[in-house]
Amino acid sequence: MKPPPLDPDVADLAPSGPALTVYDEEHAITYIRMLDADRDGADWREVSRIVLHIDPEREPDRARRAFDSHLARAKWMTQVGYRHLLRGGASRSL
């Protein structure tokens, strides 16, 4: 696995399937930032603006969906997804 980008653009929805994806690998730092913000009690609108690059004032529904799906995926990564990374990443977990 190559190092993930530091601040990539995000899709409107994070993956939700049971397998690790290339998107997950590319957004590992995004997921870590989401988990840190959640732990610190950051407002979802601030996280959406800073981490996900979606303005919650202009696109509140899109921002909230993206926030919720990426935080859920970040939590999945800590419970399940990391095992796929240990086995070699998305290409080997299919």
PDB file of N, CA and C in Angstrom:
ATOM      1  N   MET A   1       0.834  -1.175   0.000  1.00  0.00           N
ATOM      2  CA  MET A   1       0.000   0.000   0.000  1.00  0.00           C
ATOM      3  C   MET A   1       0.881   1.240   0.000  1.00  0.00           C
ATOM      4  N   LYS A   2       0.620   2.159  -0.911  1.00  0.00           N
ATOM      5  CA  LYS A   2       1.382   3.401  -0.938  1.00  0.00           C
ATOM      6  C   LYS A   2       0.795   4.376   0.085  1.00  0.00           C
ATOM      7  N   PRO A   3       1.566   5.360   0.499  1.00  0.00           N
ATOM      8  CA  PRO A   3       1.065   6.319   1.487  1.00  0.00           C
ATOM      9  C   PRO A   3      -0.170   7.050   0.956  1.00  0.00           C
ATOM     10  N   PRO A   4      -1.189   7.238   1.797  1.00  0.00           N
ATOM     11  CA  PRO A   4      -2.399   7.918   1.346  1.00  0.00           C
ATOM     12  C   PRO A   4      -2.168   9.419   1.207  1.00  0.00           C
ATOM     13  N   PRO A   5      -2.965  10.082   0.356  1.00  0.00           N
ATOM     14  CA  PRO A   5      -2.864  11.541   0.258  1.00  0.00           C
ATOM     15  C   PRO A   5      -3.210  12.174   1.604  1.00  0.00           C
ATOM     16  N   LEU A   6      -2.631  13.330   1.889  1.00  0.00           N
ATOM     17  CA  LEU A   6      -2.856  13.982   3.176  1.00  0.00           C
ATOM     18  C   LEU A   6      -4.225  14.627   3.307  1.00  0.00           C
ATOM     19  N   ASP A   7      -4.762  15.170   2.232  1.00  0.00           N
ATOM     20  CA  ASP A   7      -6.019  15.906   2.332  1.00  0.00           C
ATOM     21  C   ASP A   7      -6.840  15.745   1.045  1.00  0.00           C
ATOM     22  N   PRO A   8      -7.260  14.512   0.747  1.00  0.00           N
ATOM     23  CA  PRO A   8      -7.951  14.274  -0.524  1.00  0.00           C
ATOM     24  C   PRO A   8      -9.392  14.776  -0.522  1.00  0.00           C
ATOM     25  N   ASP A   9      -9.899  15.044  -1.707  1.00  0.00           N
ATOM     26  CA  ASP A   9     -11.326  15.316  -1.848  1.00  0.00           C
ATOM     27  C   ASP A   9     -12.078  14.039  -1.516  1.00  0.00           C
ATOM     28  N   VAL A  10     -13.333  14.190  -1.112  1.00  0.00           N
ATOM     29  CA  VAL A  10     -14.117  13.029  -0.718  1.00  0.00           C
ATOM     30  C   VAL A  10     -15.339  12.868  -1.612  1.00  0.00           C
ATOM     31  N   ALA A  11     -15.837  11.651  -1.655  1.00  0.00           N
ATOM     32  CA  ALA A  11     -17.095  11.360  -2.340  1.00  0.00           C
ATOM     33  C   ALA A  11     -18.244  11.796  -1.431  1.00  0.00           C
ATOM     34  N   ASP A  12     -19.423  11.905  -2.002  1.00  0.00           N
ATOM     35  CA  ASP A  12     -20.587  12.279  -1.200  1.00  0.00           C
ATOM     36  C   ASP A  12     -20.880  11.244  -0.126  1.00  0.00           C
ATOM     37  N   LEU A  13     -20.581   9.985  -0.413  1.00  0.00           N
ATOM     38  CA  LEU A  13     -20.775   8.915   0.553  1.00  0.00           C
ATOM     39  C   LEU A  13     -19.527   8.045   0.600  1.00  0.00           C
ATOM     40  N   ALA A  14     -19.138   7.667   1.802  1.00  0.00           N
ATOM     41  CA  ALA A  14     -18.032   6.728   1.959  1.00  0.00           C
ATOM     42  C   ALA A  14     -18.535   5.326   1.622  1.00  0.00           C
ATOM     43  N   PRO A  15     -17.646   4.420   1.293  1.00  0.00           N
ATOM     44  CA  PRO A  15     -18.056   3.033   1.056  1.00  0.00           C
ATOM     45  C   PRO A  15     -18.775   2.478   2.284  1.00  0.00           C
ATOM     46  N   SER A  16     -19.632   1.499   2.042  1.00  0.00           N
ATOM     47  CA  SER A  16     -20.352   0.910   3.172  1.00  0.00           C
ATOM     48  C   SER A  16     -20.344  -0.616   3.141  1.00  0.00           C
ATOM     49  N   GLY A  17     -19.688  -1.179   2.166  1.00  0.00           N
ATOM     50  CA  GLY A  17     -19.654  -2.633   2.045  1.00  0.00           C
ATOM     51  C   GLY A  17     -18.699  -3.281   3.024  1.00  0.00           C
ATOM     52  N   PRO A  18     -18.684  -4.619   3.023  1.00  0.00           N
ATOM     53  CA  PRO A  18     -17.878  -5.360   3.990  1.00  0.00           C
ATOM     54  C   PRO A  18     -16.406  -5.502   3.612  1.00  0.00           C
ATOM     55  N   ALA A  19     -16.030  -5.021   2.442  1.00  0.00           N
ATOM     56  CA  ALA A  19     -14.641  -5.175   1.997  1.00  0.00           C
ATOM     57  C   ALA A  19     -13.926  -3.830   1.996  1.00  0.00           C
ATOM     58  N   LEU A  20     -12.642  -3.866   2.279  1.00  0.00           N
ATOM     59  CA  LEU A  20     -11.794  -2.697   2.186  1.00  0.00           C
ATOM     60  C   LEU A  20     -11.695  -2.287   0.720  1.00  0.00           C
ATOM     61  N   THR A  21     -11.754  -1.003   0.462  1.00  0.00           N
ATOM     62  CA  THR A  21     -11.684  -0.502  -0.913  1.00  0.00           C
ATOM     63  C   THR A  21     -10.453   0.378  -1.102  1.00  0.00           C
ATOM     64  N   VAL A  22     -10.145   0.643  -2.354  1.00  0.00           N
ATOM     65  CA  VAL A  22      -9.066   1.578  -2.663  1.00  0.00           C
ATOM     66  C   VAL A  22      -9.416   2.945  -2.075  1.00  0.00           C
ATOM     67  N   TYR A  23     -10.693   3.324  -2.143  1.00  0.00           N
ATOM     68  CA  TYR A  23     -11.135   4.590  -1.543  1.00  0.00           C
ATOM     69  C   TYR A  23     -10.766   4.620  -0.055  1.00  0.00           C
ATOM     70  N   ASP A  24     -11.005   3.527   0.649  1.00  0.00           N
ATOM     71  CA  ASP A  24     -10.653   3.465   2.070  1.00  0.00           C
ATOM     72  C   ASP A  24      -9.161   3.703   2.274  1.00  0.00           C
ATOM     73  N   GLU A  25      -8.362   3.053   1.473  1.00  0.00           N
ATOM     74  CA  GLU A  25      -6.914   3.225   1.593  1.00  0.00           C
ATOM     75  C   GLU A  25      -6.510   4.663   1.316  1.00  0.00           C
ATOM     76  N   GLU A  26      -7.098   5.261   0.294  1.00  0.00           N
ATOM     77  CA  GLU A  26      -6.764   6.636  -0.077  1.00  0.00           C
ATOM     78  C   GLU A  26      -7.252   7.649   0.958  1.00  0.00           C
ATOM     79  N   HIS A  27      -8.240   7.271   1.751  1.00  0.00           N
ATOM     80  CA  HIS A  27      -8.831   8.201   2.723  1.00  0.00           C
ATOM     81  C   HIS A  27      -8.530   7.814   4.176  1.00  0.00           C
ATOM     82  N   ALA A  28      -7.486   7.036   4.380  1.00  0.00           N
ATOM     83  CA  ALA A  28      -7.122   6.625   5.741  1.00  0.00           C
ATOM     84  C   ALA A  28      -6.879   7.835   6.641  1.00  0.00           C
ATOM     85  N   ILE A  29      -6.208   8.843   6.138  1.00  0.00           N
ATOM     86  CA  ILE A  29      -5.948  10.036   6.950  1.00  0.00           C
ATOM     87  C   ILE A  29      -7.244  10.797   7.202  1.00  0.00           C
ATOM     88  N   THR A  30      -8.122  10.840   6.213  1.00  0.00           N
ATOM     89  CA  THR A  30      -9.440  11.460   6.416  1.00  0.00           C
ATOM     90  C   THR A  30     -10.164  10.763   7.560  1.00  0.00           C
ATOM     91  N   TYR A  31     -10.148   9.446   7.556  1.00  0.00           N
ATOM     92  CA  TYR A  31     -10.819   8.690   8.615  1.00  0.00           C
ATOM     93  C   TYR A  31     -10.198   8.984   9.983  1.00  0.00           C
ATOM     94  N   ILE A  32      -8.894   9.070  10.049  1.00  0.00           N
ATOM     95  CA  ILE A  32      -8.231   9.381  11.313  1.00  0.00           C
ATOM     96  C   ILE A  32      -8.640  10.772  11.792  1.00  0.00           C
ATOM     97  N   ARG A  33      -8.680  11.712  10.879  1.00  0.00           N
ATOM     98  CA  ARG A  33      -9.099  13.068  11.245  1.00  0.00           C
ATOM     99  C   ARG A  33     -10.546  13.081  11.732  1.00  0.00           C
ATOM    100  N   MET A  34     -11.397  12.279  11.092  1.00  0.00           N
ATOM    101  CA  MET A  34     -12.800  12.180  11.522  1.00  0.00           C
ATOM    102  C   MET A  34     -12.887  11.617  12.943  1.00  0.00           C
ATOM    103  N   LEU A  35     -12.123  10.574  13.216  1.00  0.00           N
ATOM    104  CA  LEU A  35     -12.130   9.961  14.546  1.00  0.00           C
ATOM    105  C   LEU A  35     -11.594  10.925  15.605  1.00  0.00           C
ATOM    106  N   ASP A  36     -10.544  11.649  15.278  1.00  0.00           N
ATOM    107  CA  ASP A  36     -10.005  12.639  16.216  1.00  0.00           C
ATOM    108  C   ASP A  36     -11.037  13.717  16.525  1.00  0.00           C
ATOM    109  N   ALA A  37     -11.704  14.203  15.490  1.00  0.00           N
ATOM    110  CA  ALA A  37     -12.722  15.241  15.684  1.00  0.00           C
ATOM    111  C   ALA A  37     -13.880  14.716  16.525  1.00  0.00           C
ATOM    112  N   ASP A  38     -14.275  13.478  16.265  1.00  0.00           N
ATOM    113  CA  ASP A  38     -15.363  12.872  17.036  1.00  0.00           C
ATOM    114  C   ASP A  38     -14.963  12.740  18.505  1.00  0.00           C
ATOM    115  N   ARG A  39     -13.770  12.274  18.747  1.00  0.00           N
ATOM    116  CA  ARG A  39     -13.263  12.134  20.114  1.00  0.00           C
ATOM    117  C   ARG A  39     -13.232  13.475  20.845  1.00  0.00           C
ATOM    118  N   ASP A  40     -12.885  14.526  20.099  1.00  0.00           N
ATOM    119  CA  ASP A  40     -12.771  15.854  20.695  1.00  0.00           C
ATOM    120  C   ASP A  40     -14.106  16.591  20.785  1.00  0.00           C
ATOM    121  N   GLY A  41     -15.171  15.979  20.257  1.00  0.00           N
ATOM    122  CA  GLY A  41     -16.487  16.610  20.314  1.00  0.00           C
ATOM    123  C   GLY A  41     -16.666  17.779  19.358  1.00  0.00           C
ATOM    124  N   ALA A  42     -15.930  17.774  18.268  1.00  0.00           N
ATOM    125  CA  ALA A  42     -16.024  18.855  17.286  1.00  0.00           C
ATOM    126  C   ALA A  42     -17.403  18.882  16.640  1.00  0.00           C
ATOM    127  N   ASP A  43     -17.858  20.060  16.307  1.00  0.00           N
ATOM    128  CA  ASP A  43     -19.139  20.227  15.626  1.00  0.00           C
ATOM    129  C   ASP A  43     -19.048  19.622  14.227  1.00  0.00           C
ATOM    130  N   TRP A  44     -20.066  18.868  13.823  1.00  0.00           N
ATOM    131  CA  TRP A  44     -20.038  18.177  12.533  1.00  0.00           C
ATOM    132  C   TRP A  44     -19.886  19.152  11.379  1.00  0.00           C
ATOM    133  N   ARG A  45     -20.431  20.372  11.525  1.00  0.00           N
ATOM    134  CA  ARG A  45     -20.335  21.363  10.441  1.00  0.00           C
ATOM    135  C   ARG A  45     -18.890  21.807  10.226  1.00  0.00           C
ATOM    136  N   GLU A  46     -18.162  21.974  11.316  1.00  0.00           N
ATOM    137  CA  GLU A  46     -16.754  22.348  11.218  1.00  0.00           C
ATOM    138  C   GLU A  46     -15.936  21.221  10.573  1.00  0.00           C
ATOM    139  N   VAL A  47     -16.226  19.999  10.979  1.00  0.00           N
ATOM    140  CA  VAL A  47     -15.520  18.840  10.410  1.00  0.00           C
ATOM    141  C   VAL A  47     -15.837  18.718   8.922  1.00  0.00           C
ATOM    142  N   SER A  48     -17.085  18.918   8.571  1.00  0.00           N
ATOM    143  CA  SER A  48     -17.470  18.851   7.165  1.00  0.00           C
ATOM    144  C   SER A  48     -16.703  19.884   6.337  1.00  0.00           C
ATOM    145  N   ARG A  49     -16.618  21.073   6.854  1.00  0.00           N
ATOM    146  CA  ARG A  49     -15.944  22.160   6.134  1.00  0.00           C
ATOM    147  C   ARG A  49     -14.445  21.902   6.025  1.00  0.00           C
ATOM    148  N   ILE A  50     -13.807  21.538   7.128  1.00  0.00           N
ATOM    149  CA  ILE A  50     -12.352  21.432   7.164  1.00  0.00           C
ATOM    150  C   ILE A  50     -11.843  20.103   6.608  1.00  0.00           C
ATOM    151  N   VAL A  51     -12.437  19.013   7.031  1.00  0.00           N
ATOM    152  CA  VAL A  51     -11.925  17.694   6.658  1.00  0.00           C
ATOM    153  C   VAL A  51     -12.498  17.203   5.334  1.00  0.00           C
ATOM    154  N   LEU A  52     -13.806  17.412   5.146  1.00  0.00           N
ATOM    155  CA  LEU A  52     -14.458  16.873   3.947  1.00  0.00           C
ATOM    156  C   LEU A  52     -14.548  17.872   2.796  1.00  0.00           C
ATOM    157  N   HIS A  53     -14.231  19.131   3.061  1.00  0.00           N
ATOM    158  CA  HIS A  53     -14.269  20.192   2.037  1.00  0.00           C
ATOM    159  C   HIS A  53     -15.669  20.416   1.481  1.00  0.00           C
ATOM    160  N   ILE A  54     -16.672  20.268   2.327  1.00  0.00           N
ATOM    161  CA  ILE A  54     -18.058  20.507   1.923  1.00  0.00           C
ATOM    162  C   ILE A  54     -18.622  21.594   2.830  1.00  0.00           C
ATOM    163  N   ASP A  55     -19.139  22.651   2.239  1.00  0.00           N
ATOM    164  CA  ASP A  55     -19.680  23.773   3.001  1.00  0.00           C
ATOM    165  C   ASP A  55     -21.081  23.431   3.505  1.00  0.00           C
ATOM    166  N   PRO A  56     -21.261  23.272   4.810  1.00  0.00           N
ATOM    167  CA  PRO A  56     -22.571  22.895   5.345  1.00  0.00           C
ATOM    168  C   PRO A  56     -23.598  24.011   5.263  1.00  0.00           C
ATOM    169  N   GLU A  57     -23.158  25.237   5.055  1.00  0.00           N
ATOM    170  CA  GLU A  57     -24.107  26.346   4.888  1.00  0.00           C
ATOM    171  C   GLU A  57     -24.737  26.303   3.495  1.00  0.00           C
ATOM    172  N   ARG A  58     -23.943  26.000   2.493  1.00  0.00           N
ATOM    173  CA  ARG A  58     -24.442  25.930   1.115  1.00  0.00           C
ATOM    174  C   ARG A  58     -25.116  24.611   0.798  1.00  0.00           C
ATOM    175  N   GLU A  59     -24.590  23.515   1.344  1.00  0.00           N
ATOM    176  CA  GLU A  59     -25.098  22.173   1.036  1.00  0.00           C
ATOM    177  C   GLU A  59     -25.291  21.373   2.325  1.00  0.00           C
ATOM    178  N   PRO A  60     -26.263  21.761   3.151  1.00  0.00           N
ATOM    179  CA  PRO A  60     -26.404  21.107   4.459  1.00  0.00           C
ATOM    180  C   PRO A  60     -26.712  19.617   4.390  1.00  0.00           C
ATOM    181  N   ASP A  61     -27.571  19.201   3.479  1.00  0.00           N
ATOM    182  CA  ASP A  61     -27.922  17.779   3.388  1.00  0.00           C
ATOM    183  C   ASP A  61     -26.738  16.948   2.908  1.00  0.00           C
ATOM    184  N   ARG A  62     -26.081  17.424   1.875  1.00  0.00           N
ATOM    185  CA  ARG A  62     -24.904  16.708   1.352  1.00  0.00           C
ATOM    186  C   ARG A  62     -23.806  16.640   2.408  1.00  0.00           C
ATOM    187  N   ALA A  63     -23.580  17.748   3.095  1.00  0.00           N
ATOM    188  CA  ALA A  63     -22.538  17.793   4.122  1.00  0.00           C
ATOM    189  C   ALA A  63     -22.836  16.806   5.246  1.00  0.00           C
ATOM    190  N   ARG A  64     -24.083  16.752   5.679  1.00  0.00           N
ATOM    191  CA  ARG A  64     -24.434  15.855   6.777  1.00  0.00           C
ATOM    192  C   ARG A  64     -24.318  14.391   6.367  1.00  0.00           C
ATOM    193  N   ARG A  65     -24.786  14.072   5.153  1.00  0.00           N
ATOM    194  CA  ARG A  65     -24.674  12.683   4.671  1.00  0.00           C
ATOM    195  C   ARG A  65     -23.210  12.270   4.553  1.00  0.00           C
ATOM    196  N   ALA A  66     -22.387  13.151   4.009  1.00  0.00           N
ATOM    197  CA  ALA A  66     -20.959  12.838   3.863  1.00  0.00           C
ATOM    198  C   ALA A  66     -20.308  12.667   5.231  1.00  0.00           C
ATOM    199  N   PHE A  67     -20.631  13.560   6.150  1.00  0.00           N
ATOM    200  CA  PHE A  67     -20.077  13.455   7.498  1.00  0.00           C
ATOM    201  C   PHE A  67     -20.469  12.130   8.140  1.00  0.00           C
ATOM    202  N   ASP A  68     -21.756  11.831   8.129  1.00  0.00           N
ATOM    203  CA  ASP A  68     -22.237  10.595   8.773  1.00  0.00           C
ATOM    204  C   ASP A  68     -21.620   9.346   8.153  1.00  0.00           C
ATOM    205  N   SER A  69     -21.565   9.307   6.821  1.00  0.00           N
ATOM    206  CA  SER A  69     -21.050   8.093   6.174  1.00  0.00           C
ATOM    207  C   SER A  69     -19.546   7.938   6.387  1.00  0.00           C
ATOM    208  N   HIS A  70     -18.807   9.036   6.365  1.00  0.00           N
ATOM    209  CA  HIS A  70     -17.360   8.934   6.563  1.00  0.00           C
ATOM    210  C   HIS A  70     -17.015   8.621   8.017  1.00  0.00           C
ATOM    211  N   LEU A  71     -17.768   9.155   8.957  1.00  0.00           N
ATOM    212  CA  LEU A  71     -17.514   8.809  10.358  1.00  0.00           C
ATOM    213  C   LEU A  71     -17.856   7.339  10.610  1.00  0.00           C
ATOM    214  N   ALA A  72     -18.949   6.878  10.038  1.00  0.00           N
ATOM    215  CA  ALA A  72     -19.310   5.459  10.198  1.00  0.00           C
ATOM    216  C   ALA A  72     -18.224   4.565   9.597  1.00  0.00           C
ATOM    217  N   ARG A  73     -17.719   4.948   8.439  1.00  0.00           N
ATOM    218  CA  ARG A  73     -16.673   4.134   7.814  1.00  0.00           C
ATOM    219  C   ARG A  73     -15.380   4.190   8.622  1.00  0.00           C
ATOM    220  N   ALA A  74     -15.070   5.346   9.171  1.00  0.00           N
ATOM    221  CA  ALA A  74     -13.880   5.468  10.015  1.00  0.00           C
ATOM    222  C   ALA A  74     -13.983   4.528  11.211  1.00  0.00           C
ATOM    223  N   LYS A  75     -15.144   4.461  11.808  1.00  0.00           N
ATOM    224  CA  LYS A  75     -15.344   3.564  12.949  1.00  0.00           C
ATOM    225  C   LYS A  75     -15.263   2.104  12.500  1.00  0.00           C
ATOM    226  N   TRP A  76     -15.809   1.801  11.328  1.00  0.00           N
ATOM    227  CA  TRP A  76     -15.710   0.439  10.772  1.00  0.00           C
ATOM    228  C   TRP A  76     -14.245   0.053  10.591  1.00  0.00           C
ATOM    229  N   MET A  77     -13.455   1.009  10.128  1.00  0.00           N
ATOM    230  CA  MET A  77     -12.030   0.729   9.918  1.00  0.00           C
ATOM    231  C   MET A  77     -11.345   0.332  11.220  1.00  0.00           C
ATOM    232  N   THR A  78     -11.758   0.913  12.346  1.00  0.00           N
ATOM    233  CA  THR A  78     -11.118   0.582  13.616  1.00  0.00           C
ATOM    234  C   THR A  78     -11.567  -0.768  14.145  1.00  0.00           C
ATOM    235  N   GLN A  79     -12.706  -1.250  13.680  1.00  0.00           N
ATOM    236  CA  GLN A  79     -13.254  -2.506  14.181  1.00  0.00           C
ATOM    237  C   GLN A  79     -13.016  -3.682  13.239  1.00  0.00           C
ATOM    238  N   VAL A  80     -13.067  -3.420  11.937  1.00  0.00           N
ATOM    239  CA  VAL A  80     -12.989  -4.496  10.947  1.00  0.00           C
ATOM    240  C   VAL A  80     -11.951  -4.209   9.859  1.00  0.00           C
ATOM    241  N   GLY A  81     -12.012  -3.030   9.300  1.00  0.00           N
ATOM    242  CA  GLY A  81     -11.204  -2.706   8.126  1.00  0.00           C
ATOM    243  C   GLY A  81      -9.707  -2.835   8.306  1.00  0.00           C
ATOM    244  N   TYR A  82      -9.242  -2.552   9.516  1.00  0.00           N
ATOM    245  CA  TYR A  82      -7.794  -2.637   9.734  1.00  0.00           C
ATOM    246  C   TYR A  82      -7.261  -4.045   9.476  1.00  0.00           C
ATOM    247  N   ARG A  83      -8.103  -5.051   9.692  1.00  0.00           N
ATOM    248  CA  ARG A  83      -7.658  -6.437   9.442  1.00  0.00           C
ATOM    249  C   ARG A  83      -7.321  -6.631   7.966  1.00  0.00           C
ATOM    250  N   HIS A  84      -8.120  -6.020   7.097  1.00  0.00           N
ATOM    251  CA  HIS A  84      -7.863  -6.095   5.659  1.00  0.00           C
ATOM    252  C   HIS A  84      -6.535  -5.416   5.319  1.00  0.00           C
ATOM    253  N   LEU A  85      -6.257  -4.299   5.981  1.00  0.00           N
ATOM    254  CA  LEU A  85      -4.981  -3.619   5.748  1.00  0.00           C
ATOM    255  C   LEU A  85      -3.811  -4.511   6.150  1.00  0.00           C
ATOM    256  N   LEU A  86      -3.960  -5.200   7.270  1.00  0.00           N
ATOM    257  CA  LEU A  86      -2.886  -6.079   7.736  1.00  0.00           C
ATOM    258  C   LEU A  86      -2.638  -7.249   6.787  1.00  0.00           C
ATOM    259  N   ARG A  87      -3.690  -7.620   6.050  1.00  0.00           N
ATOM    260  CA  ARG A  87      -3.558  -8.719   5.087  1.00  0.00           C
ATOM    261  C   ARG A  87      -3.048  -8.245   3.732  1.00  0.00           C
ATOM    262  N   GLY A  88      -2.811  -6.973   3.576  1.00  0.00           N
ATOM    263  CA  GLY A  88      -2.245  -6.491   2.330  1.00  0.00           C
ATOM    264  C   GLY A  88      -3.059  -5.460   1.597  1.00  0.00           C
ATOM    265  N   GLY A  89      -4.155  -5.018   2.142  1.00  0.00           N
ATOM    266  CA  GLY A  89      -4.905  -3.944   1.534  1.00  0.00           C
ATOM    267  C   GLY A  89      -6.074  -4.406   0.675  1.00  0.00           C
ATOM    268  N   ALA A  90      -6.644  -3.448  -0.026  1.00  0.00           N
ATOM    269  CA  ALA A  90      -7.873  -3.680  -0.795  1.00  0.00           C
ATOM    270  C   ALA A  90      -7.696  -4.734  -1.869  1.00  0.00           C
ATOM    271  N   SER A  91      -6.584  -4.713  -2.569  1.00  0.00           N
ATOM    272  CA  SER A  91      -6.404  -5.651  -3.676  1.00  0.00           C
ATOM    273  C   SER A  91      -6.338  -7.109  -3.212  1.00  0.00           C
ATOM    274  N   ARG A  92      -5.929  -7.324  -1.967  1.00  0.00           N
ATOM    275  CA  ARG A  92      -5.808  -8.701  -1.462  1.00  0.00           C
ATOM    276  C   ARG A  92      -7.003  -9.106  -0.603  1.00  0.00           C
ATOM    277  N   SER A  93      -7.909  -8.145  -0.294  1.00  0.00           N
ATOM    278  CA  SER A  93      -9.035  -8.491   0.583  1.00  0.00           C
ATOM    279  C   SER A  93     -10.284  -8.840  -0.190  1.00  0.00           C
ATOM    280  N   LEU A  94     -10.204  -8.790  -1.511  1.00  0.00           N
ATOM    281  CA  LEU A  94     -11.384  -9.108  -2.331  1.00  0.00           C
ATOM    282  C   LEU A  94     -11.541 -10.606  -2.512  1.00  0.00           C
TER     283      LEU A  94
END
